[in-house]
């Protein structure tokens, strides 16, 4: 009787051990399958991050080109600046009361602005944010200087560049707003300078 009881107990232990091993096998297979599923997703995410970082640098470079071109003093400066805008680009110029939405109107603006005597950019700070591989925005501050009647004029301004990657795979300006910094009323509370940062973007400055 004791031998029979021992056989039953041993058989039961083997049965439950078999179930436990199967559970461990199932858990192992499940975890392995999850890792296999996650790995490609992680690789895709890393690829997208690399694409966005590359786009941020390209847009920052495009803004540098605009700054260098508009202050170049080149004989072809107007055509060179206008070429940086999309055919349907829109410009709210720093010294213009009107919006300009055609290449001819934008050209007319830079016939004046880009030919200001000794025009230069003395400072520049912005934040580039990429929203997908074809759309990006650079917002910030720049300060222009130019010569008038033998004196240096300083024009602090803020700007927004909206870029779109065209069919030529180049970033084109589709919207550009620029305006001189206003004088804030005394009753308007000043925000902390810590808020003037570039979250989720690329900080650019000179």
C-alpha atoms as a PDB file:
ATOM      1  CA  UNK A   1       0.000   0.000   0.000  1.00  0.00           C
ATOM      2  CA  UNK A   2       2.846   2.344   0.854  1.00  0.00           C
ATOM      3  CA  UNK A   3       4.546   1.580  -2.468  1.00  0.00           C
ATOM      4  CA  UNK A   4       1.354   2.393  -4.359  1.00  0.00           C
ATOM      5  CA  UNK A   5       0.998   5.666  -2.442  1.00  0.00           C
ATOM      6  CA  UNK A   6       4.577   6.609  -3.232  1.00  0.00           C
ATOM      7  CA  UNK A   7       4.001   5.877  -6.905  1.00  0.00           C
ATOM      8  CA  UNK A   8       0.914   8.086  -6.958  1.00  0.00           C
ATOM      9  CA  UNK A   9       2.752  10.910  -5.200  1.00  0.00           C
ATOM     10  CA  UNK A  10       5.710  10.633  -7.549  1.00  0.00           C
ATOM     11  CA  UNK A  11       3.430  10.606 -10.547  1.00  0.00           C
ATOM     12  CA  UNK A  12       1.661  13.725  -9.292  1.00  0.00           C
ATOM     13  CA  UNK A  13       4.963  15.503  -8.743  1.00  0.00           C
ATOM     14  CA  UNK A  14       6.113  14.649 -12.248  1.00  0.00           C
ATOM     15  CA  UNK A  15       2.800  15.926 -13.655  1.00  0.00           C
ATOM     16  CA  UNK A  16       3.007  19.278 -11.860  1.00  0.00           C
ATOM     17  CA  UNK A  17       6.701  19.595 -12.734  1.00  0.00           C
ATOM     18  CA  UNK A  18       5.793  19.055 -16.364  1.00  0.00           C
ATOM     19  CA  UNK A  19       3.157  21.813 -16.167  1.00  0.00           C
ATOM     20  CA  UNK A  20       5.659  24.176 -14.488  1.00  0.00           C
ATOM     21  CA  UNK A  21       8.250  23.562 -17.199  1.00  0.00           C
ATOM     22  CA  UNK A  22       5.639  24.205 -19.870  1.00  0.00           C
ATOM     23  CA  UNK A  23       4.691  27.478 -18.199  1.00  0.00           C
ATOM     24  CA  UNK A  24       8.325  28.519 -18.102  1.00  0.00           C
ATOM     25  CA  UNK A  25       8.648  27.584 -21.781  1.00  0.00           C
ATOM     26  CA  UNK A  26       5.537  29.570 -22.673  1.00  0.00           C
ATOM     27  CA  UNK A  27       6.827  32.578 -20.689  1.00  0.00           C
ATOM     28  CA  UNK A  28      10.204  32.352 -22.394  1.00  0.00           C
ATOM     29  CA  UNK A  29       8.609  32.138 -25.835  1.00  0.00           C
ATOM     30  CA  UNK A  30       6.305  35.085 -25.016  1.00  0.00           C
ATOM     31  CA  UNK A  31       9.165  37.291 -23.815  1.00  0.00           C
ATOM     32  CA  UNK A  32      11.277  36.343 -26.828  1.00  0.00           C
ATOM     33  CA  UNK A  33       8.422  37.154 -29.202  1.00  0.00           C
ATOM     34  CA  UNK A  34       7.920  40.513 -27.486  1.00  0.00           C
ATOM     35  CA  UNK A  35      11.598  41.384 -27.815  1.00  0.00           C
ATOM     36  CA  UNK A  36      11.545  40.429 -31.482  1.00  0.00           C
ATOM     37  CA  UNK A  37       8.493  42.636 -31.995  1.00  0.00           C
ATOM     38  CA  UNK A  38       9.967  45.610 -30.104  1.00  0.00           C
ATOM     39  CA  UNK A  39      13.416  45.560 -31.695  1.00  0.00           C
ATOM     40  CA  UNK A  40      12.301  46.611 -35.204  1.00  0.00           C
ATOM     41  CA  UNK A  41      10.114  49.339 -33.668  1.00  0.00           C
ATOM     42  CA  UNK A  42      13.065  50.619 -31.661  1.00  0.00           C
ATOM     43  CA  UNK A  43      15.206  50.622 -34.796  1.00  0.00           C
ATOM     44  CA  UNK A  44      12.512  52.549 -36.667  1.00  0.00           C
ATOM     45  CA  UNK A  45      12.275  55.109 -33.857  1.00  0.00           C
ATOM     46  CA  UNK A  46      16.045  55.595 -33.904  1.00  0.00           C
ATOM     47  CA  UNK A  47      15.935  56.064 -37.676  1.00  0.00           C
ATOM     48  CA  UNK A  48      13.212  58.714 -37.369  1.00  0.00           C
ATOM     49  CA  UNK A  49      15.193  60.553 -34.679  1.00  0.00           C
ATOM     50  CA  UNK A  50      18.234  60.596 -36.951  1.00  0.00           C
ATOM     51  CA  UNK A  51      16.116  61.939 -39.830  1.00  0.00           C
ATOM     52  CA  UNK A  52      14.711  64.714 -37.623  1.00  0.00           C
ATOM     53  CA  UNK A  53      18.142  65.668 -36.263  1.00  0.00           C
ATOM     54  CA  UNK A  54      19.512  65.818 -39.800  1.00  0.00           C
ATOM     55  CA  UNK A  55      16.566  68.001 -40.859  1.00  0.00           C
ATOM     56  CA  UNK A  56      17.154  70.369 -37.907  1.00  0.00           C
ATOM     57  CA  UNK A  57      20.743  70.918 -39.019  1.00  0.00           C
ATOM     58  CA  UNK A  58      19.674  71.442 -42.646  1.00  0.00           C
ATOM     59  CA  UNK A  59      17.089  74.056 -41.631  1.00  0.00           C
ATOM     60  CA  UNK A  60      19.603  75.808 -39.369  1.00  0.00           C
ATOM     61  CA  UNK A  61      22.006  75.909 -42.306  1.00  0.00           C
ATOM     62  CA  UNK A  62      19.260  77.293 -44.563  1.00  0.00           C
ATOM     63  CA  UNK A  63      18.710  80.160 -42.120  1.00  0.00           C
ATOM     64  CA  UNK A  64      22.467  80.798 -41.998  1.00  0.00           C
ATOM     65  CA  UNK A  65      22.445  80.996 -45.791  1.00  0.00           C
ATOM     66  CA  UNK A  66      19.607  83.534 -45.663  1.00  0.00           C
ATOM     67  CA  UNK A  67      21.471  85.674 -43.111  1.00  0.00           C
ATOM     68  CA  UNK A  68      24.711  85.534 -45.080  1.00  0.00           C
ATOM     69  CA  UNK A  69      22.990  86.189 -48.389  1.00  0.00           C
ATOM     70  CA  UNK A  70      20.850  89.153 -47.344  1.00  0.00           C
ATOM     71  CA  UNK A  71      23.905  90.880 -45.831  1.00  0.00           C
ATOM     72  CA  UNK A  72      26.366  89.908 -48.574  1.00  0.00           C
ATOM     73  CA  UNK A  73      26.280  93.196 -50.487  1.00  0.00           C
ATOM     74  CA  UNK A  74      26.480  91.156 -53.692  1.00  0.00           C
ATOM     75  CA  UNK A  75      25.439  92.763 -56.962  1.00  0.00           C
ATOM     76  CA  UNK A  76      22.952  89.907 -57.361  1.00  0.00           C
ATOM     77  CA  UNK A  77      21.815  90.017 -53.741  1.00  0.00           C
ATOM     78  CA  UNK A  78      18.127  90.543 -54.531  1.00  0.00           C
ATOM     79  CA  UNK A  79      17.826  87.579 -56.892  1.00  0.00           C
ATOM     80  CA  UNK A  80      19.910  85.433 -54.545  1.00  0.00           C
ATOM     81  CA  UNK A  81      17.669  86.171 -51.560  1.00  0.00           C
ATOM     82  CA  UNK A  82      14.414  85.736 -53.495  1.00  0.00           C
ATOM     83  CA  UNK A  83      15.661  82.341 -54.699  1.00  0.00           C
ATOM     84  CA  UNK A  84      15.545  81.138 -51.077  1.00  0.00           C
ATOM     85  CA  UNK A  85      11.761  81.579 -50.983  1.00  0.00           C
ATOM     86  CA  UNK A  86       9.212  79.182 -52.457  1.00  0.00           C
ATOM     87  CA  UNK A  87       7.227  80.365 -55.482  1.00  0.00           C
ATOM     88  CA  UNK A  88       4.215  80.785 -53.198  1.00  0.00           C
ATOM     89  CA  UNK A  89       6.267  82.110 -50.275  1.00  0.00           C
ATOM     90  CA  UNK A  90       4.888  84.887 -48.055  1.00  0.00           C
ATOM     91  CA  UNK A  91       6.929  87.665 -46.440  1.00  0.00           C
ATOM     92  CA  UNK A  92       6.054  90.078 -43.657  1.00  0.00           C
ATOM     93  CA  UNK A  93       9.183  92.228 -43.841  1.00  0.00           C
ATOM     94  CA  UNK A  94      10.804  94.015 -40.915  1.00  0.00           C
ATOM     95  CA  UNK A  95      10.291  97.473 -42.427  1.00  0.00           C
ATOM     96  CA  UNK A  96       7.201  96.808 -44.529  1.00  0.00           C
ATOM     97  CA  UNK A  97       3.607  97.555 -43.551  1.00  0.00           C
ATOM     98  CA  UNK A  98       2.305  95.132 -46.151  1.00  0.00           C
ATOM     99  CA  UNK A  99       2.478  91.380 -46.639  1.00  0.00           C
ATOM    100  CA  UNK A 100       4.257  90.309 -49.839  1.00  0.00           C
ATOM    101  CA  UNK A 101       3.082  87.067 -51.433  1.00  0.00           C
ATOM    102  CA  UNK A 102       4.637  86.967 -54.904  1.00  0.00           C
ATOM    103  CA  UNK A 103       8.269  86.725 -56.043  1.00  0.00           C
ATOM    104  CA  UNK A 104       7.952  90.188 -57.594  1.00  0.00           C
ATOM    105  CA  UNK A 105       6.699  91.741 -54.356  1.00  0.00           C
ATOM    106  CA  UNK A 106       9.373  89.976 -52.299  1.00  0.00           C
ATOM    107  CA  UNK A 107      11.992  91.138 -54.796  1.00  0.00           C
ATOM    108  CA  UNK A 108      10.741  94.711 -54.453  1.00  0.00           C
ATOM    109  CA  UNK A 109      11.172  94.513 -50.674  1.00  0.00           C
ATOM    110  CA  UNK A 110      14.761  93.311 -50.862  1.00  0.00           C
ATOM    111  CA  UNK A 111      15.617  95.945 -53.441  1.00  0.00           C
ATOM    112  CA  UNK A 112      15.362  98.238 -50.454  1.00  0.00           C
ATOM    113  CA  UNK A 113      16.263  96.122 -47.424  1.00  0.00           C
ATOM    114  CA  UNK A 114      19.170  94.060 -48.766  1.00  0.00           C
ATOM    115  CA  UNK A 115      20.776  97.213 -50.160  1.00  0.00           C
ATOM    116  CA  UNK A 116      20.851  99.191 -46.932  1.00  0.00           C
ATOM    117  CA  UNK A 117      24.411 100.538 -46.537  1.00  0.00           C
ATOM    118  CA  UNK A 118      26.704  98.206 -44.576  1.00  0.00           C
ATOM    119  CA  UNK A 119      23.821  95.905 -43.631  1.00  0.00           C
ATOM    120  CA  UNK A 120      24.886  93.169 -41.228  1.00  0.00           C
ATOM    121  CA  UNK A 121      23.545  90.825 -38.540  1.00  0.00           C
ATOM    122  CA  UNK A 122      25.205  91.522 -35.192  1.00  0.00           C
ATOM    123  CA  UNK A 123      23.418  88.789 -33.231  1.00  0.00           C
ATOM    124  CA  UNK A 124      21.115  85.861 -33.887  1.00  0.00           C
ATOM    125  CA  UNK A 125      19.437  83.309 -31.632  1.00  0.00           C
ATOM    126  CA  UNK A 126      16.754  80.884 -32.655  1.00  0.00           C
ATOM    127  CA  UNK A 127      15.088  77.542 -32.163  1.00  0.00           C
ATOM    128  CA  UNK A 128      14.618  75.072 -35.009  1.00  0.00           C
ATOM    129  CA  UNK A 129      11.754  72.602 -34.650  1.00  0.00           C
ATOM    130  CA  UNK A 130      11.004  69.941 -37.247  1.00  0.00           C
ATOM    131  CA  UNK A 131       7.400  68.725 -37.426  1.00  0.00           C
ATOM    132  CA  UNK A 132       7.906  66.105 -40.094  1.00  0.00           C
ATOM    133  CA  UNK A 133      10.523  65.400 -42.735  1.00  0.00           C
ATOM    134  CA  UNK A 134       9.110  68.194 -44.942  1.00  0.00           C
ATOM    135  CA  UNK A 135       8.000  70.983 -42.557  1.00  0.00           C
ATOM    136  CA  UNK A 136      10.062  72.951 -40.032  1.00  0.00           C
ATOM    137  CA  UNK A 137       9.976  76.283 -38.190  1.00  0.00           C
ATOM    138  CA  UNK A 138      12.808  78.491 -36.960  1.00  0.00           C
ATOM    139  CA  UNK A 139      11.778  81.212 -34.511  1.00  0.00           C
ATOM    140  CA  UNK A 140      13.894  83.650 -32.545  1.00  0.00           C
ATOM    141  CA  UNK A 141      15.672  86.999 -32.492  1.00  0.00           C
ATOM    142  CA  UNK A 142      18.146  88.748 -34.730  1.00  0.00           C
ATOM    143  CA  UNK A 143      19.648  92.210 -34.695  1.00  0.00           C
ATOM    144  CA  UNK A 144      20.423  94.100 -37.882  1.00  0.00           C
ATOM    145  CA  UNK A 145      22.761  97.061 -38.177  1.00  0.00           C
ATOM    146  CA  UNK A 146      23.240  99.449 -41.070  1.00  0.00           C
ATOM    147  CA  UNK A 147      24.736 102.828 -41.781  1.00  0.00           C
ATOM    148  CA  UNK A 148      22.688 106.000 -42.207  1.00  0.00           C
ATOM    149  CA  UNK A 149      24.063 109.528 -42.397  1.00  0.00           C
ATOM    150  CA  UNK A 150      27.393 108.340 -41.037  1.00  0.00           C
ATOM    151  CA  UNK A 151      25.820 106.662 -37.995  1.00  0.00           C
ATOM    152  CA  UNK A 152      25.208 102.999 -37.227  1.00  0.00           C
ATOM    153  CA  UNK A 153      21.549 102.146 -36.824  1.00  0.00           C
ATOM    154  CA  UNK A 154      20.613  99.102 -34.723  1.00  0.00           C
ATOM    155  CA  UNK A 155      17.354  97.239 -35.353  1.00  0.00           C
ATOM    156  CA  UNK A 156      16.571  94.429 -32.864  1.00  0.00           C
ATOM    157  CA  UNK A 157      13.864  92.200 -34.334  1.00  0.00           C
ATOM    158  CA  UNK A 158      12.107  88.860 -33.863  1.00  0.00           C
ATOM    159  CA  UNK A 159      11.388  86.431 -36.649  1.00  0.00           C
ATOM    160  CA  UNK A 160       9.602  83.254 -37.715  1.00  0.00           C
ATOM    161  CA  UNK A 161      10.749  81.226 -40.715  1.00  0.00           C
ATOM    162  CA  UNK A 162       8.508  78.404 -41.888  1.00  0.00           C
ATOM    163  CA  UNK A 163      10.312  75.974 -44.182  1.00  0.00           C
ATOM    164  CA  UNK A 164       9.088  73.334 -46.578  1.00  0.00           C
ATOM    165  CA  UNK A 165      11.268  70.817 -48.390  1.00  0.00           C
ATOM    166  CA  UNK A 166      10.523  71.298 -52.087  1.00  0.00           C
ATOM    167  CA  UNK A 167      10.641  68.871 -54.982  1.00  0.00           C
ATOM    168  CA  UNK A 168      14.311  69.796 -55.454  1.00  0.00           C
ATOM    169  CA  UNK A 169      14.968  68.354 -51.959  1.00  0.00           C
ATOM    170  CA  UNK A 170      15.937  71.824 -50.695  1.00  0.00           C
ATOM    171  CA  UNK A 171      14.376  73.652 -47.746  1.00  0.00           C
ATOM    172  CA  UNK A 172      12.444  76.679 -49.061  1.00  0.00           C
ATOM    173  CA  UNK A 173      10.940  79.534 -47.076  1.00  0.00           C
ATOM    174  CA  UNK A 174       7.152  79.429 -47.376  1.00  0.00           C
ATOM    175  CA  UNK A 175       6.376  81.925 -44.604  1.00  0.00           C
ATOM    176  CA  UNK A 176       8.642  84.601 -43.125  1.00  0.00           C
ATOM    177  CA  UNK A 177       7.582  87.103 -40.506  1.00  0.00           C
ATOM    178  CA  UNK A 178      10.019  89.694 -39.191  1.00  0.00           C
ATOM    179  CA  UNK A 179       9.276  92.707 -37.038  1.00  0.00           C
ATOM    180  CA  UNK A 180      11.209  95.159 -34.903  1.00  0.00           C
ATOM    181  CA  UNK A 181      11.030  94.437 -31.183  1.00  0.00           C
ATOM    182  CA  UNK A 182       8.352  96.633 -29.603  1.00  0.00           C
ATOM    183  CA  UNK A 183       8.755  98.529 -26.370  1.00  0.00           C
ATOM    184  CA  UNK A 184       6.806  96.593 -23.771  1.00  0.00           C
ATOM    185  CA  UNK A 185       4.381  98.528 -21.525  1.00  0.00           C
ATOM    186  CA  UNK A 186       5.516  98.874 -17.914  1.00  0.00           C
ATOM    187  CA  UNK A 187       2.492  96.960 -16.606  1.00  0.00           C
ATOM    188  CA  UNK A 188       3.295  93.871 -18.701  1.00  0.00           C
ATOM    189  CA  UNK A 189       4.997  91.255 -16.557  1.00  0.00           C
ATOM    190  CA  UNK A 190       8.368  90.039 -17.827  1.00  0.00           C
ATOM    191  CA  UNK A 191       8.743  86.276 -18.103  1.00  0.00           C
ATOM    192  CA  UNK A 192      11.754  84.436 -16.756  1.00  0.00           C
ATOM    193  CA  UNK A 193      14.711  84.219 -19.111  1.00  0.00           C
ATOM    194  CA  UNK A 194      14.703  80.483 -18.382  1.00  0.00           C
ATOM    195  CA  UNK A 195      11.564  80.260 -20.520  1.00  0.00           C
ATOM    196  CA  UNK A 196      13.498  81.603 -23.487  1.00  0.00           C
ATOM    197  CA  UNK A 197      14.828  78.148 -24.311  1.00  0.00           C
ATOM    198  CA  UNK A 198      14.554  75.650 -27.136  1.00  0.00           C
ATOM    199  CA  UNK A 199      12.701  72.552 -25.983  1.00  0.00           C
ATOM    200  CA  UNK A 200      12.328  69.690 -28.437  1.00  0.00           C
ATOM    201  CA  UNK A 201      14.403  71.524 -31.003  1.00  0.00           C
ATOM    202  CA  UNK A 202      17.851  72.706 -32.029  1.00  0.00           C
ATOM    203  CA  UNK A 203      19.200  75.908 -30.450  1.00  0.00           C
ATOM    204  CA  UNK A 204      21.065  78.070 -32.962  1.00  0.00           C
ATOM    205  CA  UNK A 205      22.910  81.310 -32.338  1.00  0.00           C
ATOM    206  CA  UNK A 206      25.776  83.560 -33.345  1.00  0.00           C
END
